[in-house]
C-alpha atoms as a PDB file:
ATOM      1  CA  MET A   1      51.696  12.199  14.617  1.00  0.00           C
ATOM      2  CA  VAL A   2      49.474  15.202  15.178  1.00  0.00           C
ATOM      3  CA  ASP A   3      51.169  18.553  14.706  1.00  0.00           C
ATOM      4  CA  THR A   4      49.530  21.274  16.737  1.00  0.00           C
ATOM      5  CA  ALA A   5      50.981  24.594  15.651  1.00  0.00           C
ATOM      6  CA  GLY A   6      52.909  26.413  18.328  1.00  0.00           C
ATOM      7  CA  THR A   7      52.932  23.630  20.953  1.00  0.00           C
ATOM      8  CA  PRO A   8      55.594  21.079  21.886  1.00  0.00           C
ATOM      9  CA  THR A   9      55.187  17.385  21.074  1.00  0.00           C
ATOM     10  CA  LYS A  10      56.516  14.729  23.440  1.00  0.00           C
ATOM     11  CA  PHE A  11      57.610  11.370  22.053  1.00  0.00           C
ATOM     12  CA  SER A  12      57.720   8.858  24.922  1.00  0.00           C
ATOM     13  CA  ARG A  13      60.718   6.571  25.240  1.00  0.00           C
ATOM     14  CA  THR A  14      60.398   3.132  23.667  1.00  0.00           C
ATOM     15  CA  LEU A  15      62.535   0.078  24.339  1.00  0.00           C
ATOM     16  CA  LEU A  16      65.396  -1.041  22.123  1.00  0.00           C
ATOM     17  CA  SER A  17      64.372  -4.066  20.076  1.00  0.00           C
ATOM     18  CA  GLY A  18      66.148  -6.451  17.723  1.00  0.00           C
ATOM     19  CA  HIS A  19      67.081  -9.977  18.743  1.00  0.00           C
ATOM     20  CA  ASP A  20      68.824 -11.196  15.580  1.00  0.00           C
ATOM     21  CA  LYS A  21      69.734  -7.742  14.216  1.00  0.00           C
ATOM     22  CA  PRO A  22      71.207  -4.513  15.534  1.00  0.00           C
ATOM     23  CA  LYS A  23      69.113  -3.113  18.367  1.00  0.00           C
ATOM     24  CA  CYS A  24      67.114   0.006  17.623  1.00  0.00           C
ATOM     25  CA  ARG A  25      64.202   2.127  18.756  1.00  0.00           C
ATOM     26  CA  ALA A  26      62.142   4.839  17.143  1.00  0.00           C
ATOM     27  CA  ILE A  27      62.478   8.195  18.878  1.00  0.00           C
ATOM     28  CA  ILE A  28      60.455  10.216  16.358  1.00  0.00           C
ATOM     29  CA  PRO A  29      58.864   7.573  14.112  1.00  0.00           C
ATOM     30  CA  PRO A  30      58.236   7.908  10.374  1.00  0.00           C
ATOM     31  CA  VAL A  31      54.812   8.903   9.110  1.00  0.00           C
ATOM     32  CA  PRO A  32      53.142   6.597   6.551  1.00  0.00           C
ATOM     33  CA  GLY A  33      53.329   8.076   3.068  1.00  0.00           C
ATOM     34  CA  GLY A  34      56.481  10.099   3.748  1.00  0.00           C
ATOM     35  CA  TRP A  35      57.615  12.918   6.001  1.00  0.00           C
ATOM     36  CA  SER A  36      59.026  16.421   5.731  1.00  0.00           C
ATOM     37  CA  GLU A  37      60.432  16.656   9.271  1.00  0.00           C
ATOM     38  CA  PRO A  38      63.397  14.553  10.467  1.00  0.00           C
ATOM     39  CA  VAL A  39      62.802  11.026  11.741  1.00  0.00           C
ATOM     40  CA  LEU A  40      65.056   9.908  14.639  1.00  0.00           C
ATOM     41  CA  PHE A  41      66.156   6.414  15.646  1.00  0.00           C
ATOM     42  CA  GLU A  42      68.660   5.120  18.185  1.00  0.00           C
ATOM     43  CA  TRP A  43      70.801   2.170  17.066  1.00  0.00           C
ATOM     44  CA  GLU A  44      73.244  -0.115  18.876  1.00  0.00           C
ATOM     45  CA  LEU A  45      75.650  -2.304  16.938  1.00  0.00           C
ATOM     46  CA  THR A  46      77.767  -4.836  18.817  1.00  0.00           C
ATOM     47  CA  ALA A  47      80.307  -6.495  16.490  1.00  0.00           C
ATOM     48  CA  GLU A  48      77.729  -6.194  13.695  1.00  0.00           C
ATOM     49  CA  SER A  49      77.460  -4.964  10.117  1.00  0.00           C
ATOM     50  CA  TRP A  50      74.354  -3.603   8.418  1.00  0.00           C
ATOM     51  CA  THR A  51      73.951  -2.640   4.750  1.00  0.00           C
ATOM     52  CA  ASP A  52      70.937  -0.772   3.397  1.00  0.00           C
ATOM     53  CA  GLU A  53      69.731   1.671   0.784  1.00  0.00           C
ATOM     54  CA  HIS A  54      67.467   4.608   1.609  1.00  0.00           C
ATOM     55  CA  PRO A  55      65.611   6.880  -0.824  1.00  0.00           C
ATOM     56  CA  HIS A  56      66.258   9.671   1.723  1.00  0.00           C
ATOM     57  CA  SER A  57      69.434  10.996   3.339  1.00  0.00           C
ATOM     58  CA  GLU A  58      70.738   9.386   6.521  1.00  0.00           C
ATOM     59  CA  SER A  59      72.986  11.045   9.097  1.00  0.00           C
ATOM     60  CA  ASN A  60      74.412   9.133  12.043  1.00  0.00           C
ATOM     61  CA  PHE A  61      75.666  10.888  15.167  1.00  0.00           C
ATOM     62  CA  VAL A  62      77.952   8.526  17.102  1.00  0.00           C
ATOM     63  CA  ILE A  63      77.026   8.710  20.796  1.00  0.00           C
ATOM     64  CA  GLU A  64      79.446   5.992  21.980  1.00  0.00           C
ATOM     65  CA  GLY A  65      82.025   3.702  20.436  1.00  0.00           C
ATOM     66  CA  GLN A  66      83.484   3.411  16.955  1.00  0.00           C
ATOM     67  CA  LEU A  67      81.532   3.215  13.686  1.00  0.00           C
ATOM     68  CA  PHE A  68      82.769   2.546  10.163  1.00  0.00           C
ATOM     69  CA  VAL A  69      80.617   3.632   7.204  1.00  0.00           C
ATOM     70  CA  GLU A  70      81.251   2.712   3.552  1.00  0.00           C
ATOM     71  CA  SER A  71      79.331   4.266   0.669  1.00  0.00           C
ATOM     72  CA  GLY A  72      80.319   4.960  -2.928  1.00  0.00           C
ATOM     73  CA  GLY A  73      83.644   3.184  -2.471  1.00  0.00           C
ATOM     74  CA  VAL A  74      84.736   5.453   0.406  1.00  0.00           C
ATOM     75  CA  THR A  75      85.080   4.245   4.002  1.00  0.00           C
ATOM     76  CA  VAL A  76      85.130   6.623   6.960  1.00  0.00           C
ATOM     77  CA  GLU A  77      85.739   5.944  10.635  1.00  0.00           C
ATOM     78  CA  ALA A  78      83.672   7.838  13.206  1.00  0.00           C
ATOM     79  CA  GLN A  79      84.152   8.148  16.961  1.00  0.00           C
ATOM     80  CA  ALA A  80      81.857   9.529  19.671  1.00  0.00           C
ATOM     81  CA  GLY A  81      80.841  13.063  18.708  1.00  0.00           C
ATOM     82  CA  ASP A  82      81.300  12.548  14.930  1.00  0.00           C
ATOM     83  CA  VAL A  83      78.509  12.625  12.332  1.00  0.00           C
ATOM     84  CA  VAL A  84      78.536  10.578   9.118  1.00  0.00           C
ATOM     85  CA  ARG A  85      76.056  11.327   6.322  1.00  0.00           C
ATOM     86  CA  VAL A  86      75.073   8.968   3.492  1.00  0.00           C
ATOM     87  CA  PRO A  87      73.182  10.728   0.678  1.00  0.00           C
ATOM     88  CA  ALA A  88      69.733   9.721  -0.543  1.00  0.00           C
ATOM     89  CA  GLY A  89      69.740   6.777  -2.950  1.00  0.00           C
ATOM     90  CA  ALA A  90      73.193   5.537  -1.940  1.00  0.00           C
ATOM     91  CA  VAL A  91      73.937   2.113  -0.494  1.00  0.00           C
ATOM     92  CA  GLY A  92      75.517   2.447   2.946  1.00  0.00           C
ATOM     93  CA  ARG A  93      77.321  -0.197   4.982  1.00  0.00           C
ATOM     94  CA  TYR A  94      77.616   0.513   8.714  1.00  0.00           C
ATOM     95  CA  TRP A  95      79.694  -1.605  11.066  1.00  0.00           C
ATOM     96  CA  ALA A  96      81.052  -1.575  14.582  1.00  0.00           C
ATOM     97  CA  PRO A  97      83.986  -3.924  15.271  1.00  0.00           C
ATOM     98  CA  LYS A  98      83.167  -3.795  19.000  1.00  0.00           C
ATOM     99  CA  TYR A  99      80.306  -1.431  19.842  1.00  0.00           C
ATOM    100  CA  ALA A 100      78.651   1.737  18.571  1.00  0.00           C
ATOM    101  CA  ARG A 101      75.581   3.609  19.753  1.00  0.00           C
ATOM    102  CA  LEU A 102      74.100   6.027  17.207  1.00  0.00           C
ATOM    103  CA  LEU A 103      71.422   8.633  16.760  1.00  0.00           C
ATOM    104  CA  ALA A 104      70.206   8.206  13.167  1.00  0.00           C
ATOM    105  CA  ILE A 105      68.474  11.132  11.459  1.00  0.00           C
ATOM    106  CA  TYR A 106      66.481  10.263   8.330  1.00  0.00           C
ATOM    107  CA  GLY A 107      64.629  12.334   5.796  1.00  0.00           C
ATOM    108  CA  PRO A 108      62.813  13.940   4.352  1.00  0.00           C
ATOM    109  CA  SER A 109      61.050  11.068   2.576  1.00  0.00           C
ATOM    110  CA  THR A 110      58.441  10.721  -0.149  1.00  0.00           C
ATOM    111  CA  GLY A 111      57.387   7.359   1.290  1.00  0.00           C
ATOM    112  CA  VAL A 112      59.410   5.098  -1.029  1.00  0.00           C
ATOM    113  CA  PRO A 113      60.516   2.100   1.081  1.00  0.00           C
ATOM    114  CA  SER A 114      64.105   1.527   2.165  1.00  0.00           C
ATOM    115  CA  ARG A 115      65.850  -1.765   1.400  1.00  0.00           C
ATOM    116  CA  THR A 116      67.863  -3.879   3.798  1.00  0.00           C
ATOM    117  CA  LEU A 117      70.601  -5.570   1.794  1.00  0.00           C
ATOM    118  CA  SER A 118      72.533  -7.549   4.411  1.00  0.00           C
ATOM    119  CA  TYR A 119      73.296  -8.129   8.068  1.00  0.00           C
ATOM    120  CA  GLU A 120      76.323  -9.884   9.545  1.00  0.00           C
ATOM    121  CA  LYS A 121      77.778 -10.665  12.961  1.00  0.00           C
ATOM    122  CA  LEU A 122      81.466  -9.734  12.845  1.00  0.00           C
ATOM    123  CA  SER A 123      84.560 -11.515  14.055  1.00  0.00           C
ATOM    124  CA  PRO A 124      86.177  -9.796  17.051  1.00  0.00           C
ATOM    125  CA  GLY A 125      88.038  -6.689  15.855  1.00  0.00           C
ATOM    126  CA  GLN A 126      86.999  -7.052  12.191  1.00  0.00           C
ATOM    127  CA  THR A 127      87.328  -3.599  10.585  1.00  0.00           C
ATOM    128  CA  LYS A 128      87.876  -4.317   6.900  1.00  0.00           C
ATOM    129  CA  HIS A 129      85.169  -4.635   4.295  1.00  0.00           C
ATOM    130  CA  VAL A 130      84.166  -8.202   3.513  1.00  0.00           C
ATOM    131  CA  ASP A 131      81.906  -9.603   0.816  1.00  0.00           C
ATOM    132  CA  LEU A 132      78.517 -10.058   2.424  1.00  0.00           C
ATOM    133  CA  ARG A 133      75.922 -12.601   1.483  1.00  0.00           C
ATOM    134  CA  PRO A 134      72.507 -10.870   1.512  1.00  0.00           C
ATOM    135  CA  ALA A 135      70.658 -11.985   4.608  1.00  0.00           C
ATOM    136  CA  HIS A 136      67.460  -9.938   4.299  1.00  0.00           C
ATOM    137  CA  GLN A 137      67.422  -8.845   0.651  1.00  0.00           C
ATOM    138  CA  GLY A 138      64.612  -6.419  -0.063  1.00  0.00           C
ATOM    139  CA  SER A 139      62.852  -6.919   3.261  1.00  0.00           C
ATOM    140  CA  PRO A 140      62.186  -3.806   5.323  1.00  0.00           C
ATOM    141  CA  THR A 141      63.104  -4.002   8.982  1.00  0.00           C
ATOM    142  CA  ARG A 142      60.758  -3.356  11.850  1.00  0.00           C
ATOM    143  CA  CYS A 143      62.894  -0.529  13.125  1.00  0.00           C
ATOM    144  CA  ALA A 144      64.294   1.036   9.952  1.00  0.00           C
ATOM    145  CA  PRO A 145      62.234   3.729   8.252  1.00  0.00           C
ATOM    146  CA  PRO A 146      60.079   4.042   6.355  1.00  0.00           C
ATOM    147  CA  LEU A 147      57.306   1.885   7.757  1.00  0.00           C
ATOM    148  CA  GLU A 148      54.856   2.580   4.930  1.00  0.00           C
ATOM    149  CA  ASP A 149      54.687  -1.031   3.659  1.00  0.00           C
END
C-alpha cells in the first residue's frame, strides 16, 4: 500500500473466498512486516467455529446475525451492531450457530504471524463450547492476517 500524504486511498472490493473454511475477504489488507494502521476484513460464518491466536488485538463488529466469542474463559454473545474485542496474544474462539457476518479490525502488528488453531462445522443450533480437535494447527490462513509468511 502506498500512502500519499493528504490524499484518499481507495481499496477496491474483492470477492469472499473460503470453500472449506469461513468465507472472508480483505478490505484493507495487511502490509508485510507489520502495520501501524488498522487492517479490515469481512467474515461470514455459517454454522461454523474458528479458533485462532493473534499477536495483535482483534475487534469484530457484527453486521448481521449472532456471534459467540470465547477468550480467557469468558464467553460473550454479540448481535448485529455489537463489537467484541479480543486482546493481543489471547486465543479467541468465534462461532455462529446459524450465521454471522462481521467486520474484523486487526492491529497494529509487528509482523509476527497469527496462528489458526482449529476450524469446525457446527451442528444446527450448537451454542455451547465443545472440545475441538485442531484442524489447521499452526498454519496461517489465506484470508487471516498477517500475510507476512
